[in-house]
Amino acid sequence: MNYKEMALDLLKTRIDFLHVPVSQKLSNFIKGEYFVLNYLLTHDSQAHPKELNREMAVSSARIAALLNHMEEKGLVIRHDDATDNRQVIVSLTEKGNALIEEKKAELLQNVIQLLEYLGPEDAQNYIRIQKKIIHGFAK
């Protein structure tokens, strides 16, 4: 096996994969507003900005700007932490909750279509290989 040729093929494939609609939707879902909304949804509808900063691997300035924008849109609210007045908590609003639930349902249907296209065996292998990569290379 020539791993260099395979690596080049993988790089090209990953670039081409960016043009697949479900890939674009997945990419959008795991960054920016949708990431924050989904994180809040799965963490009791609230979090400290520093948690979001850590999970998104972006600067605190980027988180602050993102939260300002989201607050203006009515998707989140910020308030003082009752247990520590030096801290702020970001909470999901009803509007934010409705938006992320809608986007999640849409994305789920797209991913189901992708997996159905692959068929049972390829779909299971696709997921298995991605998990193997995560376990082998995630921090």
Protein backbone atom coordinates (compact mmCIF):
# COMPACT_ATOMS: atom_id res chain seq x y z
CA MET A 1 0.00 0.00 0.00
CA ASN A 2 1.23 3.44 -0.85
CA TYR A 3 0.04 5.59 2.05
CA LYS A 4 1.18 8.81 0.39
CA GLU A 5 -1.07 8.18 -2.63
CA MET A 6 -3.91 7.17 -0.32
CA ALA A 7 -3.38 10.33 1.74
CA LEU A 8 -3.54 12.48 -1.39
CA ASP A 9 -6.71 10.67 -2.46
CA LEU A 10 -8.21 11.23 0.99
CA LEU A 11 -7.36 14.95 0.89
CA LYS A 12 -9.04 15.31 -2.49
CA THR A 13 -12.04 13.31 -1.30
CA ARG A 14 -12.40 15.46 1.83
CA ILE A 15 -12.34 18.59 -0.31
CA ASP A 16 -14.91 17.13 -2.68
CA PHE A 17 -17.02 16.07 0.32
CA LEU A 18 -17.44 19.76 1.18
CA HIS A 19 -19.71 20.00 -1.87
CA VAL A 20 -22.10 17.30 -0.64
CA PRO A 21 -25.18 19.06 0.82
CA VAL A 22 -25.44 16.86 3.93
CA SER A 23 -21.76 17.52 4.63
CA GLN A 24 -22.36 21.26 4.40
CA LYS A 25 -25.29 21.02 6.79
CA LEU A 26 -23.27 18.93 9.25
CA SER A 27 -20.42 21.41 9.05
CA ASN A 28 -22.75 24.33 9.78
CA PHE A 29 -24.32 22.46 12.67
CA ILE A 30 -21.04 21.93 14.50
CA LYS A 31 -19.88 25.54 14.51
CA GLY A 32 -21.15 28.98 15.39
CA GLU A 33 -24.71 29.58 16.52
CA TYR A 34 -25.92 26.03 15.98
CA PHE A 35 -23.05 24.61 18.00
CA VAL A 36 -23.88 26.94 20.91
CA LEU A 37 -27.60 26.22 20.70
CA ASN A 38 -27.05 22.46 20.55
CA TYR A 39 -24.51 22.60 23.40
CA LEU A 40 -26.99 24.48 25.56
CA LEU A 41 -29.80 22.09 24.60
CA THR A 42 -27.71 19.11 25.69
CA HIS A 43 -26.39 20.76 28.89
CA ASP A 44 -29.53 21.70 30.83
CA SER A 45 -30.11 24.74 28.58
CA GLN A 46 -27.30 26.74 30.14
CA ALA A 47 -23.53 27.07 30.29
CA HIS A 48 -20.75 29.44 31.23
CA PRO A 49 -19.12 31.26 28.31
CA LYS A 50 -15.77 29.70 29.22
CA GLU A 51 -17.30 26.23 28.66
CA LEU A 52 -18.35 27.30 25.18
CA ASN A 53 -14.92 28.79 24.59
CA ARG A 54 -13.27 25.50 25.54
CA GLU A 55 -15.66 23.26 23.61
CA MET A 56 -15.54 25.35 20.44
CA ALA A 57 -11.78 25.92 20.68
CA VAL A 58 -12.15 29.62 19.88
CA SER A 59 -11.12 32.79 21.69
CA SER A 60 -13.19 34.35 24.45
CA ALA A 61 -13.56 37.42 22.20
CA ARG A 62 -15.11 35.23 19.49
CA ILE A 63 -17.53 33.72 22.02
CA ALA A 64 -18.48 37.18 23.32
CA ALA A 65 -19.18 38.43 19.79
CA LEU A 66 -21.18 35.30 18.95
CA LEU A 67 -23.23 35.54 22.15
CA ASN A 68 -23.90 39.25 21.54
CA HIS A 69 -25.24 38.41 18.09
CA MET A 70 -27.32 35.52 19.41
CA GLU A 71 -28.70 37.62 22.24
CA GLU A 72 -29.76 40.31 19.75
CA LYS A 73 -31.65 37.62 17.82
CA GLY A 74 -33.36 36.42 21.02
CA LEU A 75 -31.78 32.95 20.90
CA VAL A 76 -29.96 33.16 24.24
CA ILE A 77 -29.87 35.36 27.31
CA ARG A 78 -27.01 36.07 29.69
CA HIS A 79 -27.48 36.57 33.40
CA ASP A 80 -25.40 36.53 36.57
CA ASP A 81 -24.58 33.18 38.10
CA ALA A 82 -26.53 32.96 41.37
CA THR A 83 -23.73 30.93 42.97
CA ASP A 84 -20.90 33.23 41.84
CA ASN A 85 -21.63 36.86 40.94
CA ARG A 86 -18.31 37.06 39.08
CA GLN A 87 -19.59 34.56 36.53
CA VAL A 88 -22.18 34.85 33.76
CA ILE A 89 -24.47 32.07 32.60
CA VAL A 90 -25.77 31.75 29.05
CA SER A 91 -29.27 30.29 28.81
CA LEU A 92 -31.29 29.03 25.89
CA THR A 93 -34.49 30.96 25.17
CA GLU A 94 -37.70 29.40 23.86
CA LYS A 95 -36.90 30.88 20.44
CA GLY A 96 -33.39 29.38 20.55
CA ASN A 97 -34.77 26.03 21.67
CA ALA A 98 -37.32 25.97 18.86
CA LEU A 99 -34.68 26.85 16.27
CA ILE A 100 -32.20 24.18 17.35
CA GLU A 101 -34.90 21.50 17.60
CA GLU A 102 -36.02 22.35 14.06
CA LYS A 103 -32.46 22.33 12.66
CA LYS A 104 -31.64 19.10 14.49
CA ALA A 105 -34.71 17.36 13.05
CA GLU A 106 -33.81 18.58 9.54
CA LEU A 107 -30.22 17.41 9.90
CA LEU A 108 -31.31 14.06 11.27
CA GLN A 109 -33.43 13.44 8.17
CA ASN A 110 -30.49 14.36 5.93
CA VAL A 111 -28.16 11.99 7.78
CA ILE A 112 -30.74 9.21 7.64
CA GLN A 113 -30.90 9.67 3.86
CA LEU A 114 -27.11 9.50 3.66
CA LEU A 115 -26.97 6.29 5.69
CA GLU A 116 -29.81 4.74 3.70
CA TYR A 117 -27.93 5.56 0.50
CA LEU A 118 -24.86 3.77 1.87
CA GLY A 119 -26.86 0.73 2.90
CA PRO A 120 -26.65 -1.13 6.23
CA GLU A 121 -23.14 -2.56 5.93
CA ASP A 122 -21.42 0.53 4.51
CA ALA A 123 -23.31 2.79 6.93
CA GLN A 124 -22.13 0.75 9.92
CA ASN A 125 -18.57 0.70 8.58
CA TYR A 126 -18.64 4.45 7.93
CA ILE A 127 -19.63 5.12 11.54
CA ARG A 128 -17.21 2.52 12.89
CA ILE A 129 -14.26 4.02 11.02
CA GLN A 130 -15.10 7.55 12.14
CA LYS A 131 -15.29 6.35 15.76
CA LYS A 132 -11.96 4.57 15.37
CA ILE A 133 -10.36 7.78 14.16
CA ILE A 134 -11.86 9.73 17.06
CA HIS A 135 -10.61 7.20 19.63
CA GLY A 136 -7.17 7.09 18.04
CA PHE A 137 -6.58 10.78 17.47
CA ALA A 138 -8.89 12.92 19.63
CA LYS A 139 -7.27 14.89 22.39
